[in-house]
Amino acid sequence: MMKLRGRKIIALIVFILYAGKSGLAAEESRRVEEEKRQTLEHTASRQLSIFDDWVMDYGGWEYFRYNQYNNSDHDSNVSDAVTYSHSVDTRLWWRAVYKPKANPNENNHVIYLRFKDLYIQRQGAAPGEKFDNDGPHVDYAYTLLDFAPVKIEVGRKYFFIGKGIAYGDVNDGAQINYTRPGVNLGIFTSQTRPHQANIDQSVPGYAKASNRRFYGAGLGYAPSDKHAFYAYALGQRDFTGEQPDDFIHVYKYQSEYYGIGAKGDLFPKWTYWTELIRETGETRIYTTDQRCRVDAWALDAEIDFRPQTLNRPNLSWEYAYGSGDSDRVSVTDTYNGNRSGRDNNFLYFGYLPTGIAVSPRLSNLHMLRAGLEWQPFFSPAG
């Protein structure tokens, strides 16, 4: 395994050099889950009336994935632990919306439920069971109460703050938003789901033991429909216990995040979105259990050009940066983590969408991305 040794790593479009014990596999899993979540938000449904003022709709979605691996351990003399795998992810959802017929423009209240079942089968030289069935269990379950200008959401849902880099995940919690023209003030608290995997894979029992709580507040201001600005503060507290207990080492990682951002129109057909994040906090040095201070930064800036021409092309450019620590081997774990002094590694609990080809963690990383999208079979009417 290559040590980071403080060198920044450059990713350009689809080429990347990256090292980290748990970074690649975890981010690949997260990318797939994010794609599923976004797809489900637009799932087609049918509507049925439950009562006079309630409308119900429901739907289902199934995702099949096949992976094939060749020399995944980079050693041709050793049989691969996994040669191929396939999975079937099934989601079923139901939603009820309060829409009073007497006043259809009145505030709407929502109840949403979604169930998930994930079946995975693997084949290779690794010992143990070749299949795993995760579920069925509750994927989403929340209610939204709309008392404009106040909205209240309670339950298991997707929580995020800012651009969703510092924090964005499906967790259990509550959120309140106060919205007026040009102003949005929000606060939330949330907690990781039961049996959710820990981001720190060196913690004994990490696979189904993560107990982290998040507390966030944000303020958005839009002086016009051309620009919007926001700022937020987020705290993360680690209450995870080891399974079994480790009486020698402490794995706690406590962190705070302070972000500012802006999005809007630069010129006609040109849009931008940028966010700067400062991370502070406290963690432990694995070998000595000494406390050390967290001091890290991250930046993401994106520009898009969408000319309204034939085939609707979209050109985008993005630069992202996450600070790193000179003596870390893993960007997520306590073991092989920071060895001395303050920890400059940017460790976050959200997601940066970079596409299928590259899905790295934004830690000890400079990334440049350029993209082109178009609709070859679309032509304007007339």
Protein backbone atom coordinates (compact mmCIF):
# COMPACT_ATOMS: atom_id res chain seq x y z
CA MET A 1 0.00 0.00 0.00
CA MET A 2 1.35 3.39 -0.94
CA LYS A 3 1.57 5.94 1.87
CA LEU A 4 0.23 9.41 1.23
CA ARG A 5 3.24 11.28 2.72
CA GLY A 6 1.49 14.62 2.34
CA ARG A 7 1.53 14.69 -1.44
CA LYS A 8 -1.56 16.08 -3.08
CA ILE A 9 -3.14 13.87 -5.71
CA ILE A 10 -4.48 15.14 -9.02
CA ALA A 11 -7.60 13.74 -10.73
CA LEU A 12 -8.34 14.97 -14.27
CA ILE A 13 -11.68 13.94 -15.77
CA VAL A 14 -11.36 10.13 -15.57
CA PHE A 15 -7.75 9.59 -14.50
CA ILE A 16 -6.81 9.36 -10.82
CA LEU A 17 -4.02 8.22 -8.53
CA TYR A 18 -5.37 7.52 -5.06
CA ALA A 19 -4.37 5.66 -1.92
CA GLY A 20 -6.34 4.98 1.24
CA LYS A 21 -7.27 1.83 3.08
CA SER A 22 -11.02 2.36 3.05
CA GLY A 23 -11.62 5.22 0.65
CA LEU A 24 -12.29 3.59 -2.70
CA ALA A 25 -14.69 0.82 -1.70
CA ALA A 26 -16.71 3.07 0.60
CA GLU A 27 -17.05 5.87 -1.95
CA GLU A 28 -18.05 3.43 -4.70
CA SER A 29 -20.82 2.08 -2.48
CA ARG A 30 -21.91 5.60 -1.60
CA ARG A 31 -21.95 6.67 -5.26
CA VAL A 32 -24.21 3.76 -6.20
CA GLU A 33 -26.56 4.53 -3.31
CA GLU A 34 -26.73 8.21 -4.27
CA GLU A 35 -27.64 7.27 -7.85
CA LYS A 36 -30.45 5.07 -6.55
CA ARG A 37 -31.75 7.81 -4.26
CA GLN A 38 -31.84 10.39 -7.06
CA THR A 39 -33.53 7.94 -9.42
CA LEU A 40 -36.21 7.14 -6.88
CA GLU A 41 -37.08 10.80 -6.47
CA HIS A 42 -38.50 10.75 -10.01
CA THR A 43 -40.16 7.34 -9.93
CA ALA A 44 -43.45 7.31 -11.80
CA SER A 45 -46.56 6.56 -9.75
CA ARG A 46 -50.32 6.40 -9.92
CA GLN A 47 -52.67 8.42 -7.72
CA LEU A 48 -55.63 7.14 -5.77
CA SER A 49 -57.97 9.08 -3.50
CA ILE A 50 -58.05 7.76 0.05
CA PHE A 51 -60.46 10.28 1.52
CA ASP A 52 -61.84 13.53 0.15
CA ASP A 53 -58.79 15.57 1.13
CA TRP A 54 -56.07 12.93 0.89
CA VAL A 55 -54.34 11.63 -2.23
CA MET A 56 -52.21 8.48 -2.20
CA ASP A 57 -49.62 7.32 -4.69
CA TYR A 58 -47.21 4.40 -4.65
CA GLY A 59 -44.49 2.81 -6.73
CA GLY A 60 -41.68 0.31 -6.92
CA TRP A 61 -38.18 0.17 -8.29
CA GLU A 62 -35.62 -2.57 -8.85
CA TYR A 63 -31.92 -2.18 -9.53
CA PHE A 64 -29.71 -5.02 -10.80
CA ARG A 65 -25.92 -4.67 -10.64
CA TYR A 66 -23.18 -7.05 -11.84
CA ASN A 67 -19.45 -6.61 -11.06
CA GLN A 68 -16.56 -8.65 -12.42
CA TYR A 69 -13.06 -8.44 -10.90
CA ASN A 70 -9.72 -9.44 -12.39
CA ASN A 71 -6.59 -9.52 -10.21
CA SER A 72 -8.18 -7.11 -7.74
CA ASP A 73 -5.38 -7.63 -5.18
CA HIS A 74 -2.66 -6.81 -7.78
CA ASP A 75 -1.01 -10.20 -7.18
CA SER A 76 -1.35 -12.73 -10.01
CA ASN A 77 0.01 -15.53 -7.76
CA VAL A 78 -2.90 -15.26 -5.32
CA SER A 79 -6.48 -16.20 -6.14
CA ASP A 80 -8.85 -13.25 -6.00
CA ALA A 81 -11.02 -13.08 -2.91
CA VAL A 82 -13.97 -12.10 -5.15
CA THR A 83 -14.11 -12.79 -8.89
CA TYR A 84 -17.63 -11.51 -9.53
CA SER A 85 -20.72 -10.39 -7.67
CA HIS A 86 -24.26 -9.43 -8.47
CA SER A 87 -26.95 -7.73 -6.46
CA VAL A 88 -30.68 -7.05 -6.68
CA ASP A 89 -31.93 -3.93 -4.90
CA THR A 90 -35.71 -3.67 -4.51
CA ARG A 91 -37.55 -0.59 -3.21
CA LEU A 92 -41.29 -0.22 -2.61
CA TRP A 93 -42.78 3.11 -1.53
CA TRP A 94 -46.05 4.71 -0.55
CA ARG A 95 -46.97 8.36 -0.10
CA ALA A 96 -50.07 10.20 1.12
CA VAL A 97 -50.54 13.95 0.56
CA TYR A 98 -53.15 16.17 2.20
CA LYS A 99 -54.77 18.32 -0.52
CA PRO A 100 -58.02 19.90 0.68
CA LYS A 101 -60.53 20.21 -2.16
CA ALA A 102 -62.08 23.28 -0.59
CA ASN A 103 -58.77 25.15 -0.89
CA PRO A 104 -56.23 23.28 -3.08
CA ASN A 105 -53.67 26.04 -2.58
CA GLU A 106 -53.62 25.44 1.16
CA ASN A 107 -50.49 24.01 2.77
CA ASN A 108 -49.93 20.32 2.05
CA HIS A 109 -48.88 17.68 4.57
CA VAL A 110 -47.07 14.51 3.47
CA ILE A 111 -46.55 11.00 4.86
CA TYR A 112 -43.89 8.93 3.07
CA LEU A 113 -42.77 5.30 3.54
CA ARG A 114 -40.20 3.29 1.58
CA PHE A 115 -38.90 -0.23 2.11
CA LYS A 116 -35.65 -1.73 0.89
CA ASP A 117 -34.34 -5.24 0.32
CA LEU A 118 -30.82 -5.88 -0.98
CA TYR A 119 -29.64 -9.34 -2.06
CA ILE A 120 -25.92 -9.78 -2.84
CA GLN A 121 -24.14 -12.89 -4.11
CA ARG A 122 -20.34 -13.17 -4.46
CA GLN A 123 -18.08 -15.77 -5.99
CA GLY A 124 -14.35 -16.17 -5.34
CA ALA A 125 -11.67 -17.61 -3.09
CA ALA A 126 -12.78 -15.77 0.06
CA PRO A 127 -14.05 -18.12 2.78
CA GLY A 128 -17.43 -17.80 4.46
CA GLU A 129 -20.89 -17.15 3.10
CA LYS A 130 -21.16 -16.25 -0.56
CA PHE A 131 -24.41 -14.35 -0.25
CA ASP A 132 -25.99 -11.75 1.98
CA ASN A 133 -29.54 -10.43 2.25
CA ASP A 134 -29.84 -6.98 3.77
CA GLY A 135 -33.50 -6.43 4.58
CA PRO A 136 -36.27 -6.01 4.15
CA HIS A 137 -36.12 -2.92 6.32
CA VAL A 138 -37.39 0.66 6.42
CA ASP A 139 -35.45 2.85 4.01
CA TYR A 140 -37.43 6.09 4.45
CA ALA A 141 -40.24 6.91 6.91
CA TYR A 142 -41.07 10.53 7.58
CA THR A 143 -43.84 13.09 7.79
CA LEU A 144 -43.75 16.66 6.49
CA LEU A 145 -46.01 19.24 8.14
CA ASP A 146 -46.43 22.43 6.13
CA PHE A 147 -47.51 25.40 8.26
CA ALA A 148 -46.08 28.07 5.95
CA PRO A 149 -43.83 29.89 6.51
CA VAL A 150 -42.72 27.01 8.79
CA LYS A 151 -42.12 23.44 7.62
CA ILE A 152 -41.41 20.54 9.98
CA GLU A 153 -39.99 17.17 8.89
CA VAL A 154 -39.61 14.26 11.30
CA GLY A 155 -38.42 10.70 10.69
CA ARG A 156 -35.95 8.81 8.51
CA LYS A 157 -35.09 10.86 5.45
CA TYR A 158 -32.25 12.42 3.50
CA PHE A 159 -30.67 15.20 5.58
CA PHE A 160 -28.05 17.52 4.14
CA ILE A 161 -26.54 20.94 4.64
CA GLY A 162 -25.06 23.30 2.05
CA LYS A 163 -24.04 21.40 -1.06
CA GLY A 164 -24.16 18.10 0.83
CA ILE A 165 -20.38 17.66 1.07
CA ALA A 166 -19.85 18.20 4.80
CA TYR A 167 -22.98 16.19 5.55
CA GLY A 168 -25.61 14.44 3.44
CA ASP A 169 -27.10 11.05 4.32
CA VAL A 170 -30.29 9.13 5.06
CA ASN A 171 -30.56 9.33 8.85
CA ASP A 172 -33.17 9.57 11.62
CA GLY A 173 -33.95 13.06 12.85
CA ALA A 174 -36.01 16.23 12.71
CA GLN A 175 -35.74 19.45 10.72
CA ILE A 176 -37.46 22.85 10.88
CA ASN A 177 -37.35 25.46 8.11
CA TYR A 178 -38.60 29.03 8.24
CA THR A 179 -38.98 30.49 4.76
CA ARG A 180 -39.80 34.01 3.66
CA PRO A 181 -39.23 35.67 0.27
CA GLY A 182 -35.47 35.65 -0.22
CA VAL A 183 -34.68 34.12 3.19
CA ASN A 184 -34.50 30.53 4.45
CA LEU A 185 -33.48 29.60 7.99
CA GLY A 186 -33.17 25.92 8.87
CA ILE A 187 -32.08 23.83 11.86
CA PHE A 188 -31.90 20.06 12.24
CA THR A 189 -30.64 17.22 14.37
CA SER A 190 -30.12 13.66 13.14
CA GLN A 191 -28.51 10.36 14.03
CA THR A 192 -27.07 7.49 12.00
CA ARG A 193 -29.42 4.58 11.34
CA PRO A 194 -29.29 1.38 13.43
CA HIS A 195 -26.77 -1.08 11.97
CA GLN A 196 -25.27 1.56 9.67
CA ALA A 197 -21.62 0.96 8.76
CA ASN A 198 -19.04 3.19 10.42
CA ILE A 199 -16.96 5.48 8.22
CA ASP A 200 -13.96 4.45 10.38
CA GLN A 201 -13.34 0.84 9.34
CA SER A 202 -10.66 0.30 11.99
CA VAL A 203 -13.26 0.36 14.79
CA PRO A 204 -14.01 -3.21 16.01
CA GLY A 205 -17.43 -4.14 14.68
CA TYR A 206 -17.53 -1.20 12.24
CA ALA A 207 -19.72 -3.01 9.68
CA LYS A 208 -22.96 -2.55 11.63
CA ALA A 209 -22.06 -0.14 14.41
CA SER A 210 -22.14 3.61 13.85
CA ASN A 211 -23.64 5.94 16.42
CA ARG A 212 -23.00 9.51 15.32
CA ARG A 213 -25.21 12.52 15.89
CA PHE A 214 -25.35 15.66 13.80
CA TYR A 215 -26.53 19.15 14.70
CA GLY A 216 -26.83 21.79 12.01
CA ALA A 217 -28.11 25.30 11.32
CA GLY A 218 -28.04 27.25 8.08
CA LEU A 219 -29.14 30.59 6.67
CA GLY A 220 -29.79 31.29 3.01
CA TYR A 221 -30.30 34.70 1.41
CA ALA A 222 -31.34 35.37 -2.20
CA PRO A 223 -31.37 39.11 -3.02
CA SER A 224 -32.71 38.29 -6.49
CA ASP A 225 -33.53 35.31 -8.68
CA LYS A 226 -29.99 35.56 -10.12
CA HIS A 227 -27.90 34.89 -7.00
CA ALA A 228 -28.21 33.10 -3.65
CA PHE A 229 -25.79 33.05 -0.72
CA TYR A 230 -25.71 30.81 2.34
CA ALA A 231 -23.75 29.99 5.48
CA TYR A 232 -24.01 27.09 7.90
CA ALA A 233 -22.55 25.45 10.98
CA LEU A 234 -22.55 21.70 11.60
CA GLY A 235 -21.46 19.63 14.58
CA GLN A 236 -20.78 15.88 14.61
CA ARG A 237 -20.47 13.85 17.80
CA ASP A 238 -19.26 10.25 17.92
CA PHE A 239 -20.99 7.95 20.45
CA THR A 240 -19.97 4.71 18.73
CA GLY A 241 -18.88 1.81 20.90
CA GLU A 242 -16.56 -1.02 19.86
CA GLN A 243 -17.88 -4.57 19.33
CA PRO A 244 -16.10 -6.15 21.14
CA ASP A 245 -14.79 -3.42 23.45
CA ASP A 246 -11.25 -2.21 22.89
CA PHE A 247 -9.84 -1.15 26.27
CA ILE A 248 -6.51 -0.02 24.80
CA HIS A 249 -7.48 2.41 22.04
CA VAL A 250 -9.99 5.26 21.69
CA TYR A 251 -11.59 5.76 18.28
CA LYS A 252 -13.63 8.93 18.85
CA TYR A 253 -13.74 11.55 16.12
CA GLN A 254 -15.55 14.79 17.01
CA SER A 255 -15.80 17.49 14.37
CA GLU A 256 -17.35 20.83 13.46
CA TYR A 257 -17.85 22.34 10.02
CA TYR A 258 -18.39 25.96 8.98
CA GLY A 259 -19.38 26.61 5.40
CA ILE A 260 -20.16 29.54 3.12
CA GLY A 261 -21.43 29.24 -0.41
CA ALA A 262 -22.99 30.98 -3.39
CA LYS A 263 -24.85 29.91 -6.51
CA GLY A 264 -26.56 31.65 -9.39
CA ASP A 265 -26.08 33.11 -12.85
CA LEU A 266 -22.78 34.56 -14.04
CA PHE A 267 -23.97 35.54 -17.52
CA PRO A 268 -26.87 34.45 -19.72
CA LYS A 269 -26.67 30.64 -20.00
CA TRP A 270 -23.75 30.51 -17.50
CA THR A 271 -24.32 29.31 -13.92
CA TYR A 272 -22.01 28.77 -10.95
CA TRP A 273 -21.96 27.09 -7.53
CA THR A 274 -19.12 27.34 -5.03
CA GLU A 275 -18.67 26.34 -1.40
CA LEU A 276 -15.81 26.75 1.09
CA ILE A 277 -15.70 24.55 4.22
CA ARG A 278 -13.60 24.87 7.36
CA GLU A 279 -13.33 21.84 9.64
CA THR A 280 -12.26 21.83 13.29
CA GLY A 281 -12.54 19.19 16.01
CA GLU A 282 -10.66 16.55 17.96
CA THR A 283 -9.47 13.01 17.32
CA ARG A 284 -6.99 10.49 18.79
CA ILE A 285 -3.58 9.18 17.81
CA TYR A 286 -3.91 5.40 17.63
CA THR A 287 -0.56 4.40 19.12
CA THR A 288 -0.64 6.73 22.14
CA ASP A 289 -4.35 7.67 22.49
CA GLN A 290 -3.30 11.30 22.74
CA ARG A 291 -5.84 13.90 21.73
CA CYS A 292 -5.03 15.95 18.66
CA ARG A 293 -6.71 18.94 17.05
CA VAL A 294 -8.42 18.77 13.65
CA ASP A 295 -7.63 21.65 11.29
CA ALA A 296 -8.82 21.05 7.71
CA TRP A 297 -10.28 22.79 4.66
CA ALA A 298 -12.27 21.96 1.54
CA LEU A 299 -13.39 23.87 -1.54
CA ASP A 300 -15.69 23.04 -4.42
CA ALA A 301 -16.34 25.36 -7.38
CA GLU A 302 -18.36 24.57 -10.51
CA ILE A 303 -19.31 26.48 -13.66
CA ASP A 304 -21.90 25.28 -16.20
CA PHE A 305 -22.68 26.54 -19.70
CA ARG A 306 -26.08 25.59 -21.14
CA PRO A 307 -26.67 27.10 -24.58
CA GLN A 308 -30.26 26.61 -25.76
CA THR A 309 -29.27 25.18 -29.12
CA LEU A 310 -29.85 21.97 -31.03
CA ASN A 311 -29.34 18.84 -28.90
CA ARG A 312 -29.22 20.94 -25.69
CA PRO A 313 -25.49 20.68 -24.88
CA ASN A 314 -24.23 21.27 -21.34
CA LEU A 315 -20.57 21.99 -20.64
CA SER A 316 -19.29 21.95 -17.07
CA TRP A 317 -16.01 22.58 -15.28
CA GLU A 318 -15.31 21.81 -11.62
CA TYR A 319 -12.42 22.20 -9.20
CA ALA A 320 -12.48 20.50 -5.79
CA TYR A 321 -9.93 20.40 -2.99
CA GLY A 322 -9.75 18.62 0.35
CA SER A 323 -6.77 19.07 2.65
CA GLY A 324 -4.64 16.10 3.74
CA ASP A 325 -2.31 15.13 6.58
CA SER A 326 1.36 14.33 5.94
CA ASP A 327 1.58 11.17 8.07
CA ARG A 328 -1.77 9.49 7.38
CA VAL A 329 -2.07 6.23 5.47
CA SER A 330 -5.88 6.05 5.67
CA VAL A 331 -8.03 9.14 5.20
CA THR A 332 -10.95 7.69 7.21
CA ASP A 333 -9.55 5.41 9.95
CA THR A 334 -8.06 5.88 13.41
CA TYR A 335 -5.63 3.01 12.84
CA ASN A 336 -3.11 4.19 10.25
CA GLY A 337 -4.55 7.66 10.76
CA ASN A 338 -2.86 10.74 12.20
CA ARG A 339 0.42 9.83 13.95
CA SER A 340 1.51 13.12 15.52
CA GLY A 341 0.55 16.77 15.83
CA ARG A 342 -2.64 18.25 14.50
CA ASP A 343 -4.72 16.40 11.94
CA ASN A 344 -5.10 18.35 8.67
CA ASN A 345 -7.12 15.63 6.92
CA PHE A 346 -10.58 16.71 5.73
CA LEU A 347 -12.97 13.99 6.94
CA TYR A 348 -16.62 14.57 6.06
CA PHE A 349 -19.98 12.77 6.13
CA GLY A 350 -21.47 13.80 2.81
CA TYR A 351 -20.85 13.12 -0.84
CA LEU A 352 -19.26 14.84 -3.84
CA PRO A 353 -20.80 13.54 -7.11
CA THR A 354 -18.00 13.02 -9.61
CA GLY A 355 -19.54 10.45 -11.96
CA ILE A 356 -19.07 6.74 -12.59
CA ALA A 357 -15.42 6.66 -13.69
CA VAL A 358 -13.97 8.35 -10.59
CA SER A 359 -15.40 8.31 -7.08
CA PRO A 360 -12.66 9.38 -4.65
CA ARG A 361 -12.92 10.87 -1.19
CA LEU A 362 -12.27 14.60 -1.09
CA SER A 363 -9.32 14.16 1.28
CA ASN A 364 -5.67 14.88 0.42
CA LEU A 365 -6.91 15.61 -3.07
CA HIS A 366 -6.96 18.20 -5.84
CA MET A 367 -9.54 17.34 -8.50
CA LEU A 368 -10.26 18.88 -11.90
CA ARG A 369 -13.32 17.76 -13.85
CA ALA A 370 -14.58 18.72 -17.30
CA GLY A 371 -17.82 17.36 -18.71
CA LEU A 372 -19.93 17.47 -21.84
CA GLU A 373 -23.56 16.39 -21.99
CA TRP A 374 -26.01 16.55 -24.87
CA GLN A 375 -29.24 15.00 -26.12
CA PRO A 376 -28.47 13.63 -29.60
CA PHE A 377 -32.11 12.81 -30.44
CA PHE A 378 -33.61 16.07 -29.28
CA SER A 379 -34.42 18.90 -31.65
CA PRO A 380 -36.46 22.04 -30.95
CA ALA A 381 -40.05 22.11 -32.12
CA GLY A 382 -40.55 23.75 -35.48
